[in-house]
Protein backbone atom coordinates (compact mmCIF):
# COMPACT_ATOMS: atom_id res chain seq x y z
CA MET A 1 0.00 0.00 0.00
CA ASP A 2 1.45 3.35 -1.06
CA THR A 3 1.69 5.99 1.60
CA PRO A 4 0.39 9.32 0.32
CA LYS A 5 2.92 12.09 -0.06
CA ALA A 6 2.56 14.50 2.83
CA PRO A 7 1.58 18.05 1.87
CA SER A 8 4.33 20.67 1.94
CA PRO A 9 4.15 23.37 4.64
CA THR A 10 2.57 25.76 2.11
CA GLU A 11 0.05 23.11 1.06
CA LYS A 12 -0.77 22.38 4.72
CA GLU A 13 -1.41 26.07 5.25
CA LEU A 14 -3.63 26.19 2.14
CA ILE A 15 -5.61 23.15 3.32
CA GLU A 16 -6.12 24.77 6.74
CA LYS A 17 -7.16 28.05 5.08
CA PHE A 18 -9.84 26.25 3.05
CA GLY A 19 -11.11 24.64 6.27
CA ASN A 20 -11.36 28.07 7.89
CA ILE A 21 -13.08 29.60 4.85
CA TYR A 22 -15.71 26.87 4.66
CA GLU A 23 -16.34 27.16 8.39
CA SER A 24 -16.76 30.93 8.11
CA TYR A 25 -19.46 30.36 5.46
CA GLY A 26 -21.37 28.04 7.78
CA LEU A 27 -20.24 24.84 6.10
CA ARG A 28 -18.31 22.07 7.76
CA ARG A 29 -14.64 22.79 8.34
CA LEU A 30 -13.84 19.22 7.29
CA GLN A 31 -15.41 19.87 3.87
CA GLY A 32 -13.03 22.78 3.39
CA LEU A 33 -10.05 20.68 4.49
CA ILE A 34 -10.99 18.02 1.92
CA VAL A 35 -11.39 20.59 -0.87
CA GLY A 36 -8.06 22.16 0.05
CA LEU A 37 -6.38 18.76 0.08
CA LEU A 38 -7.79 17.73 -3.30
CA LEU A 39 -6.70 21.05 -4.82
CA THR A 40 -3.11 20.18 -3.88
CA LYS A 41 -3.06 16.65 -5.31
CA SER A 42 -2.40 15.88 -8.96
CA GLU A 43 -3.48 12.25 -8.47
CA PRO A 44 -6.83 11.03 -7.11
CA VAL A 45 -6.93 10.59 -3.33
CA SER A 46 -8.57 7.65 -1.55
CA LEU A 47 -10.72 8.04 1.53
CA ASP A 48 -8.05 6.15 3.48
CA ASP A 49 -5.41 8.61 2.30
CA MET A 50 -7.63 11.52 3.38
CA VAL A 51 -7.96 9.90 6.82
CA GLU A 52 -4.19 9.65 7.10
CA ILE A 53 -3.30 13.08 5.70
CA LEU A 54 -6.03 15.01 7.53
CA ASP A 55 -5.76 12.90 10.70
CA ARG A 56 -9.54 12.50 10.93
CA SER A 57 -11.94 9.56 11.21
CA LYS A 58 -13.18 7.84 8.09
CA GLY A 59 -16.91 8.23 8.85
CA PRO A 60 -16.98 12.04 8.89
CA ILE A 61 -14.65 12.18 5.89
CA SER A 62 -16.92 9.84 3.92
CA ILE A 63 -20.01 11.92 4.80
CA SER A 64 -18.24 15.18 3.89
CA VAL A 65 -16.98 13.79 0.58
CA ARG A 66 -20.50 12.67 -0.35
CA ARG A 67 -21.86 16.14 0.41
CA LEU A 68 -19.08 17.76 -1.64
CA ASP A 69 -19.83 15.33 -4.47
CA ASP A 70 -23.52 16.32 -4.30
CA MET A 71 -22.43 19.96 -4.64
CA ASP A 72 -20.20 19.06 -7.66
CA LEU A 73 -17.10 20.30 -5.85
CA VAL A 74 -15.39 16.89 -5.87
CA ARG A 75 -15.96 13.83 -7.97
CA LYS A 76 -15.40 10.11 -7.62
CA VAL A 77 -12.84 8.73 -10.05
CA GLU A 78 -10.99 5.50 -10.69
CA GLY A 79 -7.76 4.93 -8.85
CA PRO A 80 -5.00 2.35 -8.67
CA ASN A 81 -6.87 0.05 -6.24
CA ASN A 82 -10.31 -1.11 -7.42
CA ARG A 83 -11.46 -1.77 -3.85
CA ARG A 84 -11.14 1.85 -2.79
CA ASN A 85 -13.03 5.03 -3.56
CA TYR A 86 -10.88 7.80 -5.02
CA TYR A 87 -11.71 11.46 -5.41
CA GLU A 88 -10.38 14.57 -7.06
CA SER A 89 -11.49 18.17 -7.15
CA HIS A 90 -14.12 18.74 -9.82
CA PRO A 91 -12.64 20.42 -12.94
CA ASN A 92 -15.28 23.16 -12.55
CA ILE A 93 -15.03 23.38 -8.76
CA PHE A 94 -14.92 27.17 -8.56
CA PHE A 95 -17.77 27.71 -11.02
CA ASN A 96 -19.84 25.03 -9.26
CA ASN A 97 -19.24 26.77 -5.94
CA PHE A 98 -20.30 30.00 -7.64
CA LYS A 99 -23.53 28.29 -8.78
CA PHE A 100 -24.14 27.16 -5.19
CA ASN A 101 -23.77 30.79 -4.05
CA MET A 102 -25.99 31.94 -6.91
CA GLN A 103 -28.73 29.62 -5.65
CA THR A 104 -28.58 31.40 -2.28
CA VAL A 105 -28.96 34.76 -4.03
CA ARG A 106 -32.01 33.47 -5.92
CA GLU A 107 -33.54 32.09 -2.73
CA ASN A 108 -33.05 35.45 -0.98
CA ARG A 109 -34.70 37.31 -3.88
CA THR A 110 -37.59 34.84 -3.83
CA VAL A 111 -38.08 35.34 -0.08
CA ALA A 112 -38.27 39.10 -0.57
CA GLU A 113 -40.77 38.74 -3.44
CA ARG A 114 -42.94 36.25 -1.55
CA PHE A 115 -43.19 38.41 1.57
CA LEU A 116 -43.69 41.61 -0.43
CA ALA A 117 -46.65 39.97 -2.15
CA ARG A 118 -48.14 39.13 1.24
CA ILE A 119 -47.62 42.67 2.49
CA ASP A 120 -49.13 44.17 -0.66
CA ALA A 121 -52.19 42.06 0.01
CA GLY A 122 -52.94 44.33 2.97
CA GLY A 123 -51.15 42.93 5.99
CA GLU A 124 -50.48 44.65 9.30
CA GLU A 125 -46.73 44.95 8.73
CA THR A 126 -44.88 48.20 9.34
CA GLU A 127 -43.59 50.46 6.59
CA LYS A 128 -40.08 49.51 7.74
CA THR A 129 -40.78 45.85 6.93
CA LYS A 130 -41.94 46.77 3.44
CA GLU A 131 -38.95 49.08 2.85
CA SER A 132 -36.54 46.39 4.05
CA LEU A 133 -38.04 43.78 1.76
CA GLU A 134 -38.02 46.16 -1.23
CA HIS A 135 -34.37 46.92 -0.52
CA MET A 136 -33.63 43.20 -0.23
CA GLN A 137 -35.41 42.45 -3.49
CA ALA A 138 -33.59 45.22 -5.39
CA PHE A 139 -30.22 44.16 -3.95
CA TYR A 140 -30.60 40.49 -4.88
CA GLU A 141 -32.04 41.26 -8.33
CA LEU A 142 -28.96 43.37 -9.07
CA MET A 143 -26.63 40.73 -7.64
CA GLU A 144 -28.35 38.08 -9.74
CA SER A 145 -27.81 40.13 -12.91
CA PHE A 146 -24.12 40.60 -12.00
CA PHE A 147 -23.79 36.86 -11.40
CA GLU A 148 -25.39 36.07 -14.77
CA ASP A 149 -23.04 38.51 -16.53
CA PHE A 150 -20.10 37.06 -14.61
CA ALA A 151 -21.05 33.49 -15.56
CA GLU A 152 -21.10 34.39 -19.25
CA ARG A 153 -17.78 36.22 -18.98
CA TRP A 154 -16.18 33.36 -17.05
CA TRP A 155 -16.93 30.88 -19.82
CA GLU A 156 -15.30 33.27 -22.30
CA VAL A 157 -12.21 33.62 -20.09
CA LYS A 158 -12.07 29.86 -19.50
CA GLN A 159 -12.22 29.20 -23.23
CA GLU A 160 -9.46 31.78 -23.85
CA ARG A 161 -7.30 30.11 -21.18
CA LEU A 162 -7.85 26.67 -22.74
CA GLU A 163 -7.01 27.93 -26.22
CA SER A 164 -3.95 29.76 -24.90
CA SER A 165 -2.64 26.70 -23.07
CA ARG A 166 -3.15 24.52 -26.14
CA GLY A 167 -1.40 27.08 -28.32
CA GLU A 168 1.57 27.34 -25.97
CA GLU A 169 1.93 23.56 -25.85
CA ALA A 170 1.84 23.36 -29.64
CA VAL A 171 4.70 25.85 -30.13
CA THR A 172 6.88 24.69 -27.24
CA PRO A 173 9.78 22.63 -28.63
CA ARG A 174 10.49 19.35 -26.83
């Protein structure tokens, strides 16, 4: 059984930073540690390797990996040992995380619209409630339009990066 290569000090710091970031967003710290780890590995990582590298129990790692897979942030892939599950970061991890955040923006806009409709129907709510919900709706509508514009622009930039990397490889003498 191959022992996984230990992360460098910089990679360890990056992994920890991802754990802290995820925790600050209300997600599980372990999910962030797993994402950080997978972003540092060029080869797929088994659950057992994650247990060893992150010094955590297999159960919580398995649960976290499944949740990350559901969010399209990691994906299950084939590895050298058929009896193990291997994972890598999803090729579109950052865009998929963006889509997850975009869903939150849409949900917030929908909440504002739903409660504004109830208030407009003649409720007993204060003017402050109505103003707050109108502000919320306007904010999230604008954010949603920025996100949509960003998503379109990102695919253009991604395509340019892919074309550029292919072009550089083609002209690099070996």
